């Protein structure tokens, strides 16, 4: 079976740990709208979380960075007076340096990502959603700011009035992304933030129309009226969606075939606006949980 997964950070990388040994060919299309240049290097948080999760080295307490990493360089920069607001580990920084040097040498982000994932021994294909620069901008009462400023520096505390994706109008799917979507048996949208993690991928030219031609299964990152983790609730409200599994279905309504909700939301099972709703335990506390959820999703495809 050939499966494509649309991924942001945290939730979907957990699911990928369960899927990676269950399918013949796995391709992950990753959000790049949260990428940012920090201390001279391009940081791609969602791409790196996917690679680290598939390589089995992700810090599975934070769900970002590398397990057991140190922060000597970060602390020294702070003492020197450099405001590195993202906490970057020493091993993690090597990834950013490797990527940035390849980009400076003329490699595309797709090529640099492929070299990185190969270096980490990852067999699955990992593809950035596009080559063009896109930035998630959060509109707050304090003004507009990059997603990383909002989430990392300000810890997600400001009220969210709106969110938009700067540069998305120029973003188009790469040949690799189009080929993966056209040749796969099905697409899985992992339990990542529907607005800031998945919506940018959907807005890339060439993606949405191909999703309408495929079997698409989404796992809700919302249980009841709360996100499993992160600021998804604030962003869904700001974009006019209900903070619920059915609100997630509304975000994906024009192409989604099946929505997987948590067992605690089993009252939603049935049909919703033409979308089949099914329930299982979606909370992943271990790799065994991730594998069980992965098997459930693959049976649907």
C-alpha atoms as a PDB file:
ATOM      1  CA  UNK A   1       0.000   0.000   0.000  1.00  0.00           C
ATOM      2  CA  UNK A   2       1.170   3.504  -0.878  1.00  0.00           C
ATOM      3  CA  UNK A   3       0.052   6.178   1.593  1.00  0.00           C
ATOM      4  CA  UNK A   4       0.568   9.932   1.791  1.00  0.00           C
ATOM      5  CA  UNK A   5       0.356  11.712   5.138  1.00  0.00           C
ATOM      6  CA  UNK A   6      -0.114  15.466   5.546  1.00  0.00           C
ATOM      7  CA  UNK A   7       1.797  16.551   8.628  1.00  0.00           C
ATOM      8  CA  UNK A   8       2.506  19.420  10.939  1.00  0.00           C
ATOM      9  CA  UNK A   9       4.241  18.982  14.268  1.00  0.00           C
ATOM     10  CA  UNK A  10       3.505  16.986  17.462  1.00  0.00           C
ATOM     11  CA  UNK A  11       0.350  14.919  16.782  1.00  0.00           C
ATOM     12  CA  UNK A  12       1.120  13.598  13.310  1.00  0.00           C
ATOM     13  CA  UNK A  13       4.756  12.632  14.021  1.00  0.00           C
ATOM     14  CA  UNK A  14       3.382  10.454  16.830  1.00  0.00           C
ATOM     15  CA  UNK A  15       1.098   8.700  14.340  1.00  0.00           C
ATOM     16  CA  UNK A  16       3.962   8.335  11.860  1.00  0.00           C
ATOM     17  CA  UNK A  17       5.848   6.214  14.377  1.00  0.00           C
ATOM     18  CA  UNK A  18       2.966   3.762  14.160  1.00  0.00           C
ATOM     19  CA  UNK A  19       2.500   3.936  10.390  1.00  0.00           C
ATOM     20  CA  UNK A  20       6.092   3.668   9.210  1.00  0.00           C
ATOM     21  CA  UNK A  21       6.347  -0.134   9.446  1.00  0.00           C
ATOM     22  CA  UNK A  22       2.799  -0.815   8.249  1.00  0.00           C
ATOM     23  CA  UNK A  23       2.914   0.438   4.657  1.00  0.00           C
ATOM     24  CA  UNK A  24       5.082  -0.413   1.653  1.00  0.00           C
ATOM     25  CA  UNK A  25       5.550   3.202   0.605  1.00  0.00           C
ATOM     26  CA  UNK A  26       5.066   6.150   2.952  1.00  0.00           C
ATOM     27  CA  UNK A  27       5.321   9.761   1.825  1.00  0.00           C
ATOM     28  CA  UNK A  28       4.932  12.651   4.244  1.00  0.00           C
ATOM     29  CA  UNK A  29       4.052  16.106   2.903  1.00  0.00           C
ATOM     30  CA  UNK A  30       5.019  18.609   5.564  1.00  0.00           C
ATOM     31  CA  UNK A  31       3.930  22.117   6.473  1.00  0.00           C
ATOM     32  CA  UNK A  32       6.683  24.721   5.976  1.00  0.00           C
ATOM     33  CA  UNK A  33       4.711  27.860   6.929  1.00  0.00           C
ATOM     34  CA  UNK A  34       6.209  27.759  10.430  1.00  0.00           C
ATOM     35  CA  UNK A  35       9.801  27.800   9.120  1.00  0.00           C
ATOM     36  CA  UNK A  36      11.977  30.640  10.337  1.00  0.00           C
ATOM     37  CA  UNK A  37      15.605  31.787  10.134  1.00  0.00           C
ATOM     38  CA  UNK A  38      17.205  31.737  13.602  1.00  0.00           C
ATOM     39  CA  UNK A  39      20.840  32.643  14.391  1.00  0.00           C
ATOM     40  CA  UNK A  40      21.794  32.417  10.719  1.00  0.00           C
ATOM     41  CA  UNK A  41      20.143  29.070  10.023  1.00  0.00           C
ATOM     42  CA  UNK A  42      16.833  27.958   8.543  1.00  0.00           C
ATOM     43  CA  UNK A  43      14.765  26.108  11.116  1.00  0.00           C
ATOM     44  CA  UNK A  44      12.001  23.873   9.704  1.00  0.00           C
ATOM     45  CA  UNK A  45      10.272  22.690  12.899  1.00  0.00           C
ATOM     46  CA  UNK A  46       7.669  20.426  11.331  1.00  0.00           C
ATOM     47  CA  UNK A  47      10.056  18.805   8.836  1.00  0.00           C
ATOM     48  CA  UNK A  48      12.565  18.128  11.595  1.00  0.00           C
ATOM     49  CA  UNK A  49       9.934  16.668  13.938  1.00  0.00           C
ATOM     50  CA  UNK A  50       8.848  14.301  11.164  1.00  0.00           C
ATOM     51  CA  UNK A  51      12.429  13.223  10.411  1.00  0.00           C
ATOM     52  CA  UNK A  52      13.331  12.800  14.074  1.00  0.00           C
ATOM     53  CA  UNK A  53      10.140  10.822  14.783  1.00  0.00           C
ATOM     54  CA  UNK A  54      10.714   8.485  11.821  1.00  0.00           C
ATOM     55  CA  UNK A  55      14.365   8.081  12.831  1.00  0.00           C
ATOM     56  CA  UNK A  56      13.320   7.198  16.390  1.00  0.00           C
ATOM     57  CA  UNK A  57      15.342   9.975  18.007  1.00  0.00           C
ATOM     58  CA  UNK A  58      12.728  12.644  18.741  1.00  0.00           C
ATOM     59  CA  UNK A  59      12.465  14.004  22.281  1.00  0.00           C
ATOM     60  CA  UNK A  60       9.199  12.208  23.059  1.00  0.00           C
ATOM     61  CA  UNK A  61       8.488  14.343  26.121  1.00  0.00           C
ATOM     62  CA  UNK A  62       8.529  17.688  24.293  1.00  0.00           C
ATOM     63  CA  UNK A  63       7.817  16.283  20.799  1.00  0.00           C
ATOM     64  CA  UNK A  64      10.372  18.600  19.263  1.00  0.00           C
ATOM     65  CA  UNK A  65      14.148  18.354  19.048  1.00  0.00           C
ATOM     66  CA  UNK A  66      16.379  15.351  19.700  1.00  0.00           C
ATOM     67  CA  UNK A  67      16.174  13.157  22.772  1.00  0.00           C
ATOM     68  CA  UNK A  68      19.047  13.784  25.198  1.00  0.00           C
ATOM     69  CA  UNK A  69      20.224  16.936  23.391  1.00  0.00           C
ATOM     70  CA  UNK A  70      22.262  19.592  25.175  1.00  0.00           C
ATOM     71  CA  UNK A  71      21.934  23.362  24.891  1.00  0.00           C
ATOM     72  CA  UNK A  72      25.491  24.595  25.410  1.00  0.00           C
ATOM     73  CA  UNK A  73      25.580  26.802  22.290  1.00  0.00           C
ATOM     74  CA  UNK A  74      22.126  28.237  22.998  1.00  0.00           C
ATOM     75  CA  UNK A  75      23.107  29.174  26.565  1.00  0.00           C
ATOM     76  CA  UNK A  76      26.402  30.695  25.425  1.00  0.00           C
ATOM     77  CA  UNK A  77      24.595  32.835  22.835  1.00  0.00           C
ATOM     78  CA  UNK A  78      22.221  34.063  25.533  1.00  0.00           C
ATOM     79  CA  UNK A  79      25.161  34.965  27.796  1.00  0.00           C
ATOM     80  CA  UNK A  80      26.817  36.821  24.920  1.00  0.00           C
ATOM     81  CA  UNK A  81      23.663  38.901  24.603  1.00  0.00           C
ATOM     82  CA  UNK A  82      22.109  37.262  21.518  1.00  0.00           C
ATOM     83  CA  UNK A  83      18.346  36.870  21.849  1.00  0.00           C
ATOM     84  CA  UNK A  84      17.797  33.376  20.474  1.00  0.00           C
ATOM     85  CA  UNK A  85      14.172  33.054  21.556  1.00  0.00           C
ATOM     86  CA  UNK A  86      13.822  29.491  20.260  1.00  0.00           C
ATOM     87  CA  UNK A  87      15.573  26.926  22.431  1.00  0.00           C
ATOM     88  CA  UNK A  88      17.769  25.079  19.919  1.00  0.00           C
ATOM     89  CA  UNK A  89      19.748  22.039  21.001  1.00  0.00           C
ATOM     90  CA  UNK A  90      23.331  21.398  19.933  1.00  0.00           C
ATOM     91  CA  UNK A  91      22.538  18.265  17.899  1.00  0.00           C
ATOM     92  CA  UNK A  92      19.405  19.897  16.484  1.00  0.00           C
ATOM     93  CA  UNK A  93      21.471  22.925  15.425  1.00  0.00           C
ATOM     94  CA  UNK A  94      23.678  20.658  13.307  1.00  0.00           C
ATOM     95  CA  UNK A  95      20.548  19.753  11.308  1.00  0.00           C
ATOM     96  CA  UNK A  96      19.798  23.444  10.717  1.00  0.00           C
ATOM     97  CA  UNK A  97      23.393  24.188   9.691  1.00  0.00           C
ATOM     98  CA  UNK A  98      23.426  21.231   7.284  1.00  0.00           C
ATOM     99  CA  UNK A  99      20.163  22.363   5.667  1.00  0.00           C
ATOM    100  CA  UNK A 100      21.150  26.031   5.486  1.00  0.00           C
ATOM    101  CA  UNK A 101      24.505  25.341   3.869  1.00  0.00           C
ATOM    102  CA  UNK A 102      22.831  23.172   1.232  1.00  0.00           C
ATOM    103  CA  UNK A 103      20.327  25.959   0.512  1.00  0.00           C
ATOM    104  CA  UNK A 104      23.170  28.490   0.208  1.00  0.00           C
ATOM    105  CA  UNK A 105      24.847  26.147  -2.286  1.00  0.00           C
ATOM    106  CA  UNK A 106      21.734  26.208  -4.466  1.00  0.00           C
ATOM    107  CA  UNK A 107      19.950  23.047  -3.384  1.00  0.00           C
ATOM    108  CA  UNK A 108      16.156  23.248  -3.207  1.00  0.00           C
ATOM    109  CA  UNK A 109      14.427  22.655   0.129  1.00  0.00           C
ATOM    110  CA  UNK A 110      13.119  19.359  -1.299  1.00  0.00           C
ATOM    111  CA  UNK A 111      16.659  18.239  -2.175  1.00  0.00           C
ATOM    112  CA  UNK A 112      18.062  19.382   1.175  1.00  0.00           C
ATOM    113  CA  UNK A 113      15.274  17.577   3.041  1.00  0.00           C
ATOM    114  CA  UNK A 114      15.923  14.373   1.108  1.00  0.00           C
ATOM    115  CA  UNK A 115      19.624  14.495   1.944  1.00  0.00           C
ATOM    116  CA  UNK A 116      18.801  15.116   5.598  1.00  0.00           C
ATOM    117  CA  UNK A 117      16.288  12.312   5.975  1.00  0.00           C
ATOM    118  CA  UNK A 118      18.669   9.908   4.171  1.00  0.00           C
ATOM    119  CA  UNK A 119      21.457  10.916   6.546  1.00  0.00           C
ATOM    120  CA  UNK A 120      19.176   9.975   9.460  1.00  0.00           C
ATOM    121  CA  UNK A 121      18.370   6.615   7.857  1.00  0.00           C
ATOM    122  CA  UNK A 122      14.718   7.456   7.206  1.00  0.00           C
ATOM    123  CA  UNK A 123      13.232   5.276   4.448  1.00  0.00           C
ATOM    124  CA  UNK A 124       9.956   7.171   4.031  1.00  0.00           C
ATOM    125  CA  UNK A 125       9.859  10.097   1.610  1.00  0.00           C
ATOM    126  CA  UNK A 126       9.651  13.467   3.392  1.00  0.00           C
ATOM    127  CA  UNK A 127       8.571  16.386   1.198  1.00  0.00           C
ATOM    128  CA  UNK A 128       8.178  20.081   2.011  1.00  0.00           C
ATOM    129  CA  UNK A 129       4.762  21.310   0.848  1.00  0.00           C
ATOM    130  CA  UNK A 130       6.362  23.792  -1.596  1.00  0.00           C
ATOM    131  CA  UNK A 131       9.616  25.579  -2.418  1.00  0.00           C
ATOM    132  CA  UNK A 132       8.264  29.114  -2.003  1.00  0.00           C
ATOM    133  CA  UNK A 133       8.612  30.941   1.326  1.00  0.00           C
ATOM    134  CA  UNK A 134       5.364  30.994   3.293  1.00  0.00           C
ATOM    135  CA  UNK A 135       4.983  32.400   6.814  1.00  0.00           C
ATOM    136  CA  UNK A 136       2.139  31.907   9.285  1.00  0.00           C
ATOM    137  CA  UNK A 137       1.240  35.339  10.660  1.00  0.00           C
ATOM    138  CA  UNK A 138      -0.870  35.601  13.814  1.00  0.00           C
ATOM    139  CA  UNK A 139      -2.971  38.737  14.297  1.00  0.00           C
ATOM    140  CA  UNK A 140      -3.298  39.730  17.966  1.00  0.00           C
ATOM    141  CA  UNK A 141      -4.305  42.871  19.908  1.00  0.00           C
ATOM    142  CA  UNK A 142      -0.541  43.481  20.316  1.00  0.00           C
ATOM    143  CA  UNK A 143      -0.071  43.416  16.532  1.00  0.00           C
ATOM    144  CA  UNK A 144       0.883  40.877  13.867  1.00  0.00           C
ATOM    145  CA  UNK A 145       3.653  38.385  14.540  1.00  0.00           C
ATOM    146  CA  UNK A 146       5.226  35.221  13.132  1.00  0.00           C
ATOM    147  CA  UNK A 147       3.753  32.018  14.529  1.00  0.00           C
ATOM    148  CA  UNK A 148       7.022  31.218  16.340  1.00  0.00           C
ATOM    149  CA  UNK A 149       6.977  34.614  18.078  1.00  0.00           C
ATOM    150  CA  UNK A 150       3.407  33.908  19.204  1.00  0.00           C
ATOM    151  CA  UNK A 151       3.906  30.294  20.269  1.00  0.00           C
ATOM    152  CA  UNK A 152       7.503  30.232  21.527  1.00  0.00           C
ATOM    153  CA  UNK A 153       8.357  33.731  22.710  1.00  0.00           C
ATOM    154  CA  UNK A 154       4.871  34.619  24.001  1.00  0.00           C
ATOM    155  CA  UNK A 155       3.890  31.021  24.881  1.00  0.00           C
ATOM    156  CA  UNK A 156       0.641  31.260  22.910  1.00  0.00           C
ATOM    157  CA  UNK A 157      -0.866  33.635  25.464  1.00  0.00           C
ATOM    158  CA  UNK A 158      -2.145  36.572  23.319  1.00  0.00           C
ATOM    159  CA  UNK A 159      -5.710  36.611  22.065  1.00  0.00           C
ATOM    160  CA  UNK A 160      -5.886  35.506  18.416  1.00  0.00           C
ATOM    161  CA  UNK A 161      -7.948  37.770  16.154  1.00  0.00           C
ATOM    162  CA  UNK A 162      -6.969  36.131  12.868  1.00  0.00           C
ATOM    163  CA  UNK A 163      -4.249  34.118  11.151  1.00  0.00           C
ATOM    164  CA  UNK A 164      -3.049  34.298   7.572  1.00  0.00           C
ATOM    165  CA  UNK A 165      -0.262  32.813   5.483  1.00  0.00           C
ATOM    166  CA  UNK A 166       2.064  35.376   3.982  1.00  0.00           C
ATOM    167  CA  UNK A 167       3.234  34.354   0.506  1.00  0.00           C
ATOM    168  CA  UNK A 168       0.772  31.471   0.120  1.00  0.00           C
ATOM    169  CA  UNK A 169      -0.628  32.994  -3.087  1.00  0.00           C
ATOM    170  CA  UNK A 170       2.712  32.238  -4.775  1.00  0.00           C
ATOM    171  CA  UNK A 171       3.075  28.693  -3.412  1.00  0.00           C
ATOM    172  CA  UNK A 172       2.636  25.775  -5.787  1.00  0.00           C
ATOM    173  CA  UNK A 173       2.990  22.048  -5.286  1.00  0.00           C
ATOM    174  CA  UNK A 174       6.304  20.570  -6.388  1.00  0.00           C
ATOM    175  CA  UNK A 175       6.443  17.789  -8.953  1.00  0.00           C
ATOM    176  CA  UNK A 176       7.269  15.373  -6.113  1.00  0.00           C
ATOM    177  CA  UNK A 177       4.196  16.401  -4.120  1.00  0.00           C
ATOM    178  CA  UNK A 178       1.901  16.101  -7.156  1.00  0.00           C
ATOM    179  CA  UNK A 179       3.327  12.682  -8.095  1.00  0.00           C
ATOM    180  CA  UNK A 180       2.868  11.392  -4.540  1.00  0.00           C
ATOM    181  CA  UNK A 181      -0.748  12.564  -4.362  1.00  0.00           C
ATOM    182  CA  UNK A 182      -1.626  11.168  -7.787  1.00  0.00           C
ATOM    183  CA  UNK A 183      -0.084   7.733  -7.257  1.00  0.00           C
ATOM    184  CA  UNK A 184      -1.070   6.935  -3.658  1.00  0.00           C
ATOM    185  CA  UNK A 185      -3.829   4.593  -2.479  1.00  0.00           C
ATOM    186  CA  UNK A 186      -5.021   7.081   0.122  1.00  0.00           C
ATOM    187  CA  UNK A 187      -4.196  10.204   2.098  1.00  0.00           C
ATOM    188  CA  UNK A 188      -4.101  10.533   5.876  1.00  0.00           C
ATOM    189  CA  UNK A 189      -4.342  13.924   7.557  1.00  0.00           C
ATOM    190  CA  UNK A 190      -2.731  13.443  10.934  1.00  0.00           C
ATOM    191  CA  UNK A 191      -3.941  14.951  14.217  1.00  0.00           C
ATOM    192  CA  UNK A 192      -2.089  18.226  13.748  1.00  0.00           C
ATOM    193  CA  UNK A 193      -3.509  21.739  14.143  1.00  0.00           C
ATOM    194  CA  UNK A 194      -6.049  22.068  11.279  1.00  0.00           C
ATOM    195  CA  UNK A 195      -5.415  25.787  10.841  1.00  0.00           C
ATOM    196  CA  UNK A 196      -1.683  26.422  11.231  1.00  0.00           C
ATOM    197  CA  UNK A 197      -0.317  22.947  10.437  1.00  0.00           C
ATOM    198  CA  UNK A 198      -2.621  21.598   7.724  1.00  0.00           C
ATOM    199  CA  UNK A 199      -4.368  24.571   6.110  1.00  0.00           C
ATOM    200  CA  UNK A 200      -1.137  25.947   4.576  1.00  0.00           C
ATOM    201  CA  UNK A 201      -0.616  22.609   2.794  1.00  0.00           C
ATOM    202  CA  UNK A 202      -4.199  22.697   1.513  1.00  0.00           C
ATOM    203  CA  UNK A 203      -3.736  26.232   0.166  1.00  0.00           C
ATOM    204  CA  UNK A 204      -0.706  25.327  -1.946  1.00  0.00           C
ATOM    205  CA  UNK A 205      -1.764  25.353  -5.604  1.00  0.00           C
ATOM    206  CA  UNK A 206      -2.321  21.827  -6.877  1.00  0.00           C
ATOM    207  CA  UNK A 207      -2.940  20.097  -3.554  1.00  0.00           C
ATOM    208  CA  UNK A 208      -6.638  20.495  -2.805  1.00  0.00           C
ATOM    209  CA  UNK A 209      -7.880  19.463  -6.241  1.00  0.00           C
ATOM    210  CA  UNK A 210      -5.833  16.254  -6.057  1.00  0.00           C
ATOM    211  CA  UNK A 211      -7.177  15.450  -2.603  1.00  0.00           C
ATOM    212  CA  UNK A 212     -10.685  15.485  -4.090  1.00  0.00           C
ATOM    213  CA  UNK A 213      -9.633  12.576  -6.311  1.00  0.00           C
ATOM    214  CA  UNK A 214      -8.265  10.410  -3.478  1.00  0.00           C
ATOM    215  CA  UNK A 215      -9.598   8.587  -0.422  1.00  0.00           C
ATOM    216  CA  UNK A 216      -8.833  10.977   2.469  1.00  0.00           C
ATOM    217  CA  UNK A 217      -8.999  10.029   6.151  1.00  0.00           C
ATOM    218  CA  UNK A 218      -8.396  12.637   8.863  1.00  0.00           C
ATOM    219  CA  UNK A 219      -7.720  12.034  12.558  1.00  0.00           C
ATOM    220  CA  UNK A 220      -9.242  14.743  14.753  1.00  0.00           C
ATOM    221  CA  UNK A 221      -6.795  16.583  17.032  1.00  0.00           C
ATOM    222  CA  UNK A 222      -9.804  17.845  18.992  1.00  0.00           C
ATOM    223  CA  UNK A 223     -11.404  15.658  21.668  1.00  0.00           C
ATOM    224  CA  UNK A 224     -14.698  17.012  22.957  1.00  0.00           C
ATOM    225  CA  UNK A 225     -14.207  20.766  22.843  1.00  0.00           C
ATOM    226  CA  UNK A 226     -10.464  20.834  23.519  1.00  0.00           C
ATOM    227  CA  UNK A 227      -7.338  20.239  21.437  1.00  0.00           C
ATOM    228  CA  UNK A 228      -5.167  17.344  22.585  1.00  0.00           C
ATOM    229  CA  UNK A 229      -2.247  19.786  22.632  1.00  0.00           C
ATOM    230  CA  UNK A 230      -1.234  23.199  21.328  1.00  0.00           C
ATOM    231  CA  UNK A 231      -3.203  26.300  20.343  1.00  0.00           C
ATOM    232  CA  UNK A 232      -5.573  24.757  17.769  1.00  0.00           C
ATOM    233  CA  UNK A 233      -8.633  25.953  19.676  1.00  0.00           C
ATOM    234  CA  UNK A 234      -7.626  29.617  19.503  1.00  0.00           C
ATOM    235  CA  UNK A 235      -6.917  29.412  15.790  1.00  0.00           C
ATOM    236  CA  UNK A 236     -10.114  27.546  14.931  1.00  0.00           C
ATOM    237  CA  UNK A 237     -12.202  30.140  16.775  1.00  0.00           C
ATOM    238  CA  UNK A 238     -10.341  32.967  15.037  1.00  0.00           C
ATOM    239  CA  UNK A 239     -11.136  31.447  11.621  1.00  0.00           C
ATOM    240  CA  UNK A 240     -14.807  30.931  12.516  1.00  0.00           C
ATOM    241  CA  UNK A 241     -14.795  27.176  13.123  1.00  0.00           C
ATOM    242  CA  UNK A 242     -16.332  25.372  16.084  1.00  0.00           C
ATOM    243  CA  UNK A 243     -13.715  23.875  18.403  1.00  0.00           C
ATOM    244  CA  UNK A 244     -14.892  20.293  18.055  1.00  0.00           C
ATOM    245  CA  UNK A 245     -14.257  17.237  15.882  1.00  0.00           C
ATOM    246  CA  UNK A 246     -17.055  18.406  13.579  1.00  0.00           C
ATOM    247  CA  UNK A 247     -15.307  21.761  13.316  1.00  0.00           C
ATOM    248  CA  UNK A 248     -12.271  19.833  12.057  1.00  0.00           C
ATOM    249  CA  UNK A 249     -14.528  18.137   9.492  1.00  0.00           C
ATOM    250  CA  UNK A 250     -15.708  21.574   8.361  1.00  0.00           C
ATOM    251  CA  UNK A 251     -12.107  22.666   7.685  1.00  0.00           C
ATOM    252  CA  UNK A 252     -11.661  19.664   5.362  1.00  0.00           C
ATOM    253  CA  UNK A 253     -15.277  19.412   4.157  1.00  0.00           C
ATOM    254  CA  UNK A 254     -14.748  19.746   0.390  1.00  0.00           C
ATOM    255  CA  UNK A 255     -12.550  16.633   0.070  1.00  0.00           C
ATOM    256  CA  UNK A 256     -12.735  14.582   3.298  1.00  0.00           C
ATOM    257  CA  UNK A 257     -14.163  11.042   3.139  1.00  0.00           C
ATOM    258  CA  UNK A 258     -13.733   9.778   6.710  1.00  0.00           C
ATOM    259  CA  UNK A 259     -13.138  11.552  10.039  1.00  0.00           C
ATOM    260  CA  UNK A 260     -11.690   9.542  12.928  1.00  0.00           C
ATOM    261  CA  UNK A 261     -12.761  10.871  16.329  1.00  0.00           C
ATOM    262  CA  UNK A 262     -11.857   9.698  19.808  1.00  0.00           C
ATOM    263  CA  UNK A 263     -13.955   7.026  21.493  1.00  0.00           C
ATOM    264  CA  UNK A 264     -15.143   9.627  23.987  1.00  0.00           C
ATOM    265  CA  UNK A 265     -16.851  11.384  21.046  1.00  0.00           C
ATOM    266  CA  UNK A 266     -18.591   8.205  19.840  1.00  0.00           C
ATOM    267  CA  UNK A 267     -21.943  10.026  19.867  1.00  0.00           C
ATOM    268  CA  UNK A 268     -20.745  11.697  16.651  1.00  0.00           C
ATOM    269  CA  UNK A 269     -20.419   8.394  14.767  1.00  0.00           C
ATOM    270  CA  UNK A 270     -22.462   8.344  11.567  1.00  0.00           C
ATOM    271  CA  UNK A 271     -22.631  10.820   8.716  1.00  0.00           C
ATOM    272  CA  UNK A 272     -21.864  14.529   8.858  1.00  0.00           C
ATOM    273  CA  UNK A 273     -22.326  16.572   5.684  1.00  0.00           C
ATOM    274  CA  UNK A 274     -21.460  13.548   3.567  1.00  0.00           C
ATOM    275  CA  UNK A 275     -18.410  12.655   5.688  1.00  0.00           C
ATOM    276  CA  UNK A 276     -18.335   9.283   7.460  1.00  0.00           C
ATOM    277  CA  UNK A 277     -17.460   9.660  11.158  1.00  0.00           C
ATOM    278  CA  UNK A 278     -15.897   6.692  12.988  1.00  0.00           C
ATOM    279  CA  UNK A 279     -14.476   6.387  16.503  1.00  0.00           C
ATOM    280  CA  UNK A 280     -11.490   4.747  18.162  1.00  0.00           C
ATOM    281  CA  UNK A 281      -8.989   5.641  20.883  1.00  0.00           C
ATOM    282  CA  UNK A 282      -6.961   8.438  19.266  1.00  0.00           C
ATOM    283  CA  UNK A 283      -4.788   9.406  22.246  1.00  0.00           C
ATOM    284  CA  UNK A 284      -1.233   8.166  21.625  1.00  0.00           C
ATOM    285  CA  UNK A 285       0.674   7.676  24.864  1.00  0.00           C
ATOM    286  CA  UNK A 286       3.071   5.073  23.441  1.00  0.00           C
ATOM    287  CA  UNK A 287       4.378   3.642  20.185  1.00  0.00           C
ATOM    288  CA  UNK A 288       1.957   0.752  20.660  1.00  0.00           C
ATOM    289  CA  UNK A 289      -0.934   3.235  20.732  1.00  0.00           C
ATOM    290  CA  UNK A 290       0.420   4.856  17.565  1.00  0.00           C
ATOM    291  CA  UNK A 291       0.682   1.506  15.792  1.00  0.00           C
ATOM    292  CA  UNK A 292      -2.854   0.520  16.807  1.00  0.00           C
ATOM    293  CA  UNK A 293      -4.235   3.843  15.524  1.00  0.00           C
ATOM    294  CA  UNK A 294      -2.181   3.456  12.352  1.00  0.00           C
ATOM    295  CA  UNK A 295      -3.662   0.000  11.723  1.00  0.00           C
ATOM    296  CA  UNK A 296      -7.170   1.374  12.272  1.00  0.00           C
ATOM    297  CA  UNK A 297      -6.640   4.194   9.791  1.00  0.00           C
ATOM    298  CA  UNK A 298      -5.113   1.914   7.135  1.00  0.00           C
ATOM    299  CA  UNK A 299      -8.103  -0.452   7.330  1.00  0.00           C
ATOM    300  CA  UNK A 300     -10.333   2.522   6.493  1.00  0.00           C
ATOM    301  CA  UNK A 301      -8.276   3.243   3.379  1.00  0.00           C
END
